[in-house]
């Protein structure tokens, strides 16, 4: 009988993977559809790497709403994801997000980092 072994930890995907932006969740997270293989698409929540905005259900709600609005204005219909990995809480992925013009989304949102701790 073979001994059971733990599955190896998933290595981050280098990308690039083109992602269709479906909806904005908050100032640092959006839902996207990715085509990962022939006729295979997945829908995931993407947390923007190097960006941490105030929470919608926290003490800085007005600022959190403004960050979400700023992300909505910046995100076009499609973006490119690289360095894709599981986020620390599960249920979503962390990724570096690049806009079609080559701009790093986290850099474009730099002024929206958390104000409340």
N, C-alpha and C. Protein backbone atom coordinates (compact mmCIF):
# COMPACT_ATOMS: atom_id res chain seq x y z
N UNK A 1 0.84 -1.18 0.00
CA UNK A 1 0.00 0.00 0.00
C UNK A 1 0.89 1.24 0.00
N UNK A 2 0.52 2.21 -0.82
CA UNK A 2 1.28 3.45 -0.91
C UNK A 2 0.87 4.40 0.20
N UNK A 3 1.83 5.08 0.76
CA UNK A 3 1.54 6.07 1.80
C UNK A 3 0.94 7.32 1.15
N UNK A 4 -0.02 7.91 1.82
CA UNK A 4 -0.62 9.15 1.33
C UNK A 4 0.38 10.28 1.53
N UNK A 5 0.44 11.14 0.57
CA UNK A 5 1.33 12.29 0.71
C UNK A 5 0.54 13.56 0.48
N UNK A 6 0.99 14.61 1.10
CA UNK A 6 0.33 15.91 0.93
C UNK A 6 0.59 16.42 -0.47
N UNK A 7 -0.40 17.10 -1.00
CA UNK A 7 -0.24 17.70 -2.31
C UNK A 7 0.82 18.79 -2.22
N UNK A 8 1.65 18.92 -3.24
CA UNK A 8 2.67 19.96 -3.20
C UNK A 8 2.01 21.34 -3.23
N UNK A 9 2.65 22.28 -2.56
CA UNK A 9 2.13 23.65 -2.56
C UNK A 9 2.15 24.18 -3.99
N UNK A 10 1.08 24.86 -4.34
CA UNK A 10 0.98 25.40 -5.69
C UNK A 10 1.98 26.54 -5.86
N UNK A 11 2.74 26.47 -6.92
CA UNK A 11 3.68 27.53 -7.24
C UNK A 11 2.91 28.68 -7.90
N UNK A 12 3.29 29.92 -7.66
CA UNK A 12 2.63 31.03 -8.34
C UNK A 12 2.74 30.87 -9.86
N UNK A 13 1.70 31.30 -10.56
CA UNK A 13 1.73 31.29 -12.01
C UNK A 13 2.39 32.58 -12.48
N UNK A 14 3.38 32.51 -13.34
CA UNK A 14 4.04 33.73 -13.77
C UNK A 14 3.17 34.60 -14.67
N UNK A 15 2.23 33.98 -15.42
CA UNK A 15 1.43 34.75 -16.37
C UNK A 15 2.26 35.10 -17.57
N UNK A 16 1.87 35.96 -18.41
CA UNK A 16 0.66 36.78 -18.25
C UNK A 16 -0.60 36.02 -18.63
N UNK A 17 -1.68 36.39 -17.95
CA UNK A 17 -3.00 35.90 -18.28
C UNK A 17 -3.91 37.10 -18.46
N UNK A 18 -4.59 37.13 -19.57
CA UNK A 18 -5.53 38.22 -19.85
C UNK A 18 -6.80 37.94 -19.06
N UNK A 19 -7.33 38.97 -18.40
CA UNK A 19 -8.51 38.81 -17.55
C UNK A 19 -9.57 39.84 -17.93
N UNK A 20 -10.79 39.37 -18.06
CA UNK A 20 -11.92 40.27 -18.30
C UNK A 20 -12.46 40.73 -16.95
N UNK A 21 -12.52 42.02 -16.74
CA UNK A 21 -13.03 42.57 -15.48
C UNK A 21 -14.56 42.49 -15.51
N UNK A 22 -15.13 41.80 -14.51
CA UNK A 22 -16.58 41.63 -14.46
C UNK A 22 -17.25 42.62 -13.52
N UNK A 23 -16.67 42.80 -12.33
CA UNK A 23 -17.24 43.78 -11.39
C UNK A 23 -16.19 44.13 -10.34
N UNK A 24 -16.38 45.29 -9.75
CA UNK A 24 -15.48 45.79 -8.71
C UNK A 24 -16.09 45.40 -7.36
N UNK A 25 -15.27 44.84 -6.50
CA UNK A 25 -15.73 44.43 -5.16
C UNK A 25 -15.48 45.55 -4.16
N UNK A 26 -14.23 46.02 -4.10
CA UNK A 26 -13.86 47.14 -3.23
C UNK A 26 -12.64 47.80 -3.84
N UNK A 27 -11.92 48.59 -3.07
CA UNK A 27 -10.81 49.36 -3.62
C UNK A 27 -9.59 48.58 -4.03
N UNK A 28 -9.50 47.30 -3.62
CA UNK A 28 -8.33 46.50 -4.00
C UNK A 28 -8.68 45.12 -4.54
N UNK A 29 -9.96 44.87 -4.80
CA UNK A 29 -10.40 43.55 -5.26
C UNK A 29 -11.45 43.68 -6.35
N UNK A 30 -11.33 42.82 -7.36
CA UNK A 30 -12.35 42.78 -8.41
C UNK A 30 -12.58 41.34 -8.84
N UNK A 31 -13.70 41.13 -9.48
CA UNK A 31 -14.02 39.81 -10.02
C UNK A 31 -13.62 39.79 -11.49
N UNK A 32 -13.03 38.69 -11.93
CA UNK A 32 -12.56 38.59 -13.31
C UNK A 32 -12.82 37.20 -13.87
N UNK A 33 -12.93 37.15 -15.20
CA UNK A 33 -13.03 35.88 -15.90
C UNK A 33 -11.72 35.69 -16.66
N UNK A 34 -11.11 34.52 -16.47
CA UNK A 34 -9.84 34.20 -17.11
C UNK A 34 -10.02 32.97 -17.99
N UNK A 35 -9.45 33.03 -19.17
CA UNK A 35 -9.43 31.84 -20.03
C UNK A 35 -8.11 31.15 -19.73
N UNK A 36 -8.20 29.99 -19.12
CA UNK A 36 -6.99 29.30 -18.67
C UNK A 36 -6.56 28.16 -19.58
N UNK A 37 -7.43 27.76 -20.47
CA UNK A 37 -7.12 26.68 -21.39
C UNK A 37 -8.16 26.70 -22.48
N UNK A 38 -7.97 25.91 -23.50
CA UNK A 38 -8.93 25.86 -24.59
C UNK A 38 -10.34 25.62 -24.04
N UNK A 39 -11.25 26.50 -24.37
CA UNK A 39 -12.65 26.38 -23.93
C UNK A 39 -12.81 26.22 -22.42
N UNK A 40 -11.85 26.69 -21.64
CA UNK A 40 -11.94 26.61 -20.19
C UNK A 40 -11.74 27.99 -19.59
N UNK A 41 -12.79 28.48 -18.95
CA UNK A 41 -12.73 29.77 -18.28
C UNK A 41 -13.03 29.59 -16.80
N UNK A 42 -12.42 30.43 -15.98
CA UNK A 42 -12.71 30.45 -14.55
C UNK A 42 -13.03 31.88 -14.14
N UNK A 43 -13.89 31.99 -13.16
CA UNK A 43 -14.20 33.30 -12.59
C UNK A 43 -13.59 33.34 -11.20
N UNK A 44 -12.80 34.36 -10.93
CA UNK A 44 -12.10 34.46 -9.66
C UNK A 44 -12.17 35.88 -9.11
N UNK A 45 -11.97 35.99 -7.82
CA UNK A 45 -11.77 37.30 -7.19
C UNK A 45 -10.27 37.57 -7.22
N UNK A 46 -9.88 38.73 -7.69
CA UNK A 46 -8.48 39.11 -7.80
C UNK A 46 -8.20 40.26 -6.83
N UNK A 47 -7.26 40.04 -5.94
CA UNK A 47 -6.78 41.11 -5.04
C UNK A 47 -5.52 41.67 -5.67
N UNK A 48 -5.48 42.98 -5.81
CA UNK A 48 -4.36 43.64 -6.46
C UNK A 48 -3.15 43.61 -5.53
N UNK A 49 -2.07 42.97 -5.98
CA UNK A 49 -0.85 42.87 -5.20
C UNK A 49 -0.28 44.27 -4.95
N UNK A 50 0.23 44.49 -3.76
CA UNK A 50 0.83 45.76 -3.32
C UNK A 50 -0.19 46.89 -3.16
N UNK A 51 -1.45 46.54 -2.97
CA UNK A 51 -2.49 47.55 -2.74
C UNK A 51 -3.37 47.06 -1.60
N UNK A 52 -3.57 47.89 -0.59
CA UNK A 52 -4.43 47.55 0.54
C UNK A 52 -5.22 48.79 0.89
N UNK A 53 -6.50 48.80 0.52
CA UNK A 53 -7.34 49.98 0.77
C UNK A 53 -8.21 49.75 2.00
N UNK A 54 -8.83 50.82 2.47
CA UNK A 54 -9.71 50.73 3.64
C UNK A 54 -10.89 49.81 3.32
N UNK A 55 -11.43 49.19 4.37
CA UNK A 55 -12.51 48.23 4.22
C UNK A 55 -13.86 48.94 4.15
N UNK A 56 -14.76 48.42 3.31
CA UNK A 56 -16.09 49.01 3.15
C UNK A 56 -16.90 48.94 4.44
N UNK A 57 -16.63 47.94 5.28
CA UNK A 57 -17.38 47.77 6.53
C UNK A 57 -16.55 48.17 7.74
N UNK A 58 -15.65 49.13 7.54
CA UNK A 58 -14.80 49.58 8.62
C UNK A 58 -15.06 51.03 8.97
N UNK A 59 -14.22 51.59 9.82
CA UNK A 59 -14.40 52.96 10.30
C UNK A 59 -14.16 54.03 9.22
N UNK A 60 -13.48 53.69 8.16
CA UNK A 60 -13.20 54.66 7.10
C UNK A 60 -14.03 54.38 5.85
N UNK A 61 -15.31 54.07 6.05
CA UNK A 61 -16.19 53.72 4.93
C UNK A 61 -16.20 54.77 3.82
N UNK A 62 -16.28 56.07 4.11
CA UNK A 62 -16.28 57.04 3.00
C UNK A 62 -15.01 56.94 2.14
N UNK A 63 -13.88 56.78 2.78
CA UNK A 63 -12.63 56.63 2.02
C UNK A 63 -12.62 55.31 1.24
N UNK A 64 -13.15 54.24 1.83
CA UNK A 64 -13.23 52.96 1.14
C UNK A 64 -14.11 53.06 -0.10
N UNK A 65 -15.22 53.76 0.01
CA UNK A 65 -16.10 53.96 -1.15
C UNK A 65 -15.41 54.77 -2.23
N UNK A 66 -14.65 55.76 -1.83
CA UNK A 66 -13.89 56.57 -2.80
C UNK A 66 -12.82 55.73 -3.49
N UNK A 67 -12.16 54.84 -2.74
CA UNK A 67 -11.15 53.97 -3.34
C UNK A 67 -11.80 53.03 -4.34
N UNK A 68 -12.96 52.48 -4.00
CA UNK A 68 -13.68 51.60 -4.93
C UNK A 68 -14.07 52.37 -6.20
N UNK A 69 -14.51 53.61 -6.04
CA UNK A 69 -14.86 54.43 -7.20
C UNK A 69 -13.62 54.70 -8.07
N UNK A 70 -12.49 54.95 -7.42
CA UNK A 70 -11.25 55.20 -8.17
C UNK A 70 -10.85 53.95 -8.95
N UNK A 71 -10.96 52.78 -8.32
CA UNK A 71 -10.63 51.54 -9.01
C UNK A 71 -11.59 51.32 -10.19
N UNK A 72 -12.85 51.63 -10.00
CA UNK A 72 -13.84 51.49 -11.07
C UNK A 72 -13.47 52.37 -12.27
N UNK A 73 -13.02 53.58 -12.00
CA UNK A 73 -12.63 54.49 -13.09
C UNK A 73 -11.38 54.02 -13.82
N UNK A 74 -10.45 53.41 -13.09
CA UNK A 74 -9.19 52.99 -13.68
C UNK A 74 -9.28 51.69 -14.47
N UNK A 75 -10.13 50.76 -14.03
CA UNK A 75 -10.16 49.45 -14.65
C UNK A 75 -10.97 49.45 -15.94
N UNK A 76 -10.32 49.09 -17.04
CA UNK A 76 -11.05 48.94 -18.30
C UNK A 76 -11.70 47.56 -18.32
N UNK A 77 -12.17 47.14 -19.47
CA UNK A 77 -12.79 45.83 -19.59
C UNK A 77 -11.82 44.68 -19.45
N UNK A 78 -10.53 44.90 -19.78
CA UNK A 78 -9.52 43.84 -19.76
C UNK A 78 -8.24 44.32 -19.10
N UNK A 79 -7.59 43.41 -18.37
CA UNK A 79 -6.30 43.69 -17.76
C UNK A 79 -5.42 42.45 -17.93
N UNK A 80 -4.15 42.58 -17.57
CA UNK A 80 -3.23 41.45 -17.60
C UNK A 80 -2.80 41.13 -16.19
N UNK A 81 -2.84 39.84 -15.84
CA UNK A 81 -2.42 39.37 -14.52
C UNK A 81 -1.09 38.64 -14.64
N UNK A 82 -0.18 38.92 -13.71
CA UNK A 82 1.08 38.18 -13.61
C UNK A 82 1.32 37.87 -12.14
N UNK A 83 2.29 36.99 -11.87
CA UNK A 83 2.64 36.61 -10.50
C UNK A 83 1.39 36.24 -9.69
N UNK A 84 0.60 35.33 -10.23
CA UNK A 84 -0.69 34.96 -9.65
C UNK A 84 -0.48 33.87 -8.60
N UNK A 85 -1.03 34.11 -7.40
CA UNK A 85 -0.90 33.14 -6.30
C UNK A 85 -2.15 33.19 -5.44
N UNK A 86 -2.33 32.15 -4.61
CA UNK A 86 -3.44 32.17 -3.65
C UNK A 86 -3.22 33.32 -2.68
N UNK A 87 -4.29 33.97 -2.28
CA UNK A 87 -4.13 35.00 -1.27
C UNK A 87 -4.16 34.33 0.11
N UNK A 88 -3.78 35.05 1.14
CA UNK A 88 -3.59 34.44 2.45
C UNK A 88 -4.88 33.97 3.10
N UNK A 89 -6.03 34.47 2.67
CA UNK A 89 -7.29 34.06 3.28
C UNK A 89 -8.01 32.99 2.46
N UNK A 90 -7.60 32.74 1.26
CA UNK A 90 -8.28 31.76 0.40
C UNK A 90 -9.50 32.38 -0.26
N UNK A 91 -9.97 31.74 -1.28
CA UNK A 91 -11.16 32.23 -1.95
C UNK A 91 -10.90 33.28 -3.01
N UNK A 92 -9.69 33.74 -3.10
CA UNK A 92 -9.32 34.71 -4.13
C UNK A 92 -7.84 34.53 -4.44
N UNK A 93 -7.38 35.25 -5.44
CA UNK A 93 -5.97 35.20 -5.79
C UNK A 93 -5.37 36.59 -5.66
N UNK A 94 -4.07 36.63 -5.38
CA UNK A 94 -3.30 37.88 -5.43
C UNK A 94 -2.61 37.90 -6.77
N UNK A 95 -2.54 39.06 -7.39
CA UNK A 95 -1.85 39.15 -8.68
C UNK A 95 -1.37 40.58 -8.91
N UNK A 96 -0.29 40.69 -9.66
CA UNK A 96 0.11 41.99 -10.17
C UNK A 96 -0.80 42.26 -11.36
N UNK A 97 -1.40 43.44 -11.38
CA UNK A 97 -2.38 43.78 -12.41
C UNK A 97 -1.82 44.91 -13.25
N UNK A 98 -1.80 44.69 -14.56
CA UNK A 98 -1.30 45.69 -15.49
C UNK A 98 -2.42 46.14 -16.41
N UNK A 99 -2.56 47.45 -16.54
CA UNK A 99 -3.57 48.02 -17.44
C UNK A 99 -3.11 47.88 -18.89
N UNK A 100 -4.02 48.00 -19.85
CA UNK A 100 -3.65 47.83 -21.25
C UNK A 100 -2.52 48.75 -21.73
N UNK A 101 -2.38 49.93 -21.11
CA UNK A 101 -1.32 50.86 -21.53
C UNK A 101 0.02 50.56 -20.85
N UNK A 102 0.08 49.45 -20.06
CA UNK A 102 1.33 49.08 -19.39
C UNK A 102 1.47 49.59 -17.98
N UNK A 103 0.52 50.39 -17.50
CA UNK A 103 0.57 50.95 -16.15
C UNK A 103 0.28 49.87 -15.12
N UNK A 104 1.08 49.83 -14.05
CA UNK A 104 0.85 48.93 -12.93
C UNK A 104 -0.32 49.50 -12.12
N UNK A 105 -1.36 48.70 -11.93
CA UNK A 105 -2.56 49.20 -11.25
C UNK A 105 -2.27 49.62 -9.81
N UNK A 106 -1.46 48.88 -9.08
CA UNK A 106 -1.14 49.26 -7.70
C UNK A 106 -0.46 50.62 -7.65
N UNK A 107 0.41 50.89 -8.60
CA UNK A 107 1.08 52.20 -8.64
C UNK A 107 0.07 53.30 -8.95
N UNK A 108 -0.86 53.02 -9.85
CA UNK A 108 -1.88 54.01 -10.20
C UNK A 108 -2.81 54.30 -9.03
N UNK A 109 -2.97 53.34 -8.12
CA UNK A 109 -3.84 53.50 -6.96
C UNK A 109 -3.05 53.85 -5.69
N UNK A 110 -1.81 54.25 -5.81
CA UNK A 110 -0.92 54.45 -4.66
C UNK A 110 -1.49 55.38 -3.60
N UNK A 111 -2.22 56.39 -3.95
CA UNK A 111 -2.76 57.33 -2.98
C UNK A 111 -3.94 56.81 -2.19
N UNK A 112 -4.39 55.59 -2.50
CA UNK A 112 -5.58 55.05 -1.86
C UNK A 112 -5.26 53.99 -0.81
N UNK A 113 -4.02 53.89 -0.36
CA UNK A 113 -3.68 52.94 0.69
C UNK A 113 -4.46 53.23 1.96
N UNK A 114 -4.49 52.27 2.87
CA UNK A 114 -5.27 52.40 4.10
C UNK A 114 -4.91 53.65 4.87
N UNK A 115 -5.96 54.37 5.29
CA UNK A 115 -5.77 55.52 6.17
C UNK A 115 -6.09 55.12 7.61
N UNK A 116 -7.03 54.20 7.76
CA UNK A 116 -7.42 53.72 9.09
C UNK A 116 -6.72 52.41 9.37
N UNK A 117 -6.23 52.23 10.53
CA UNK A 117 -5.55 50.97 10.91
C UNK A 117 -6.27 50.31 12.03
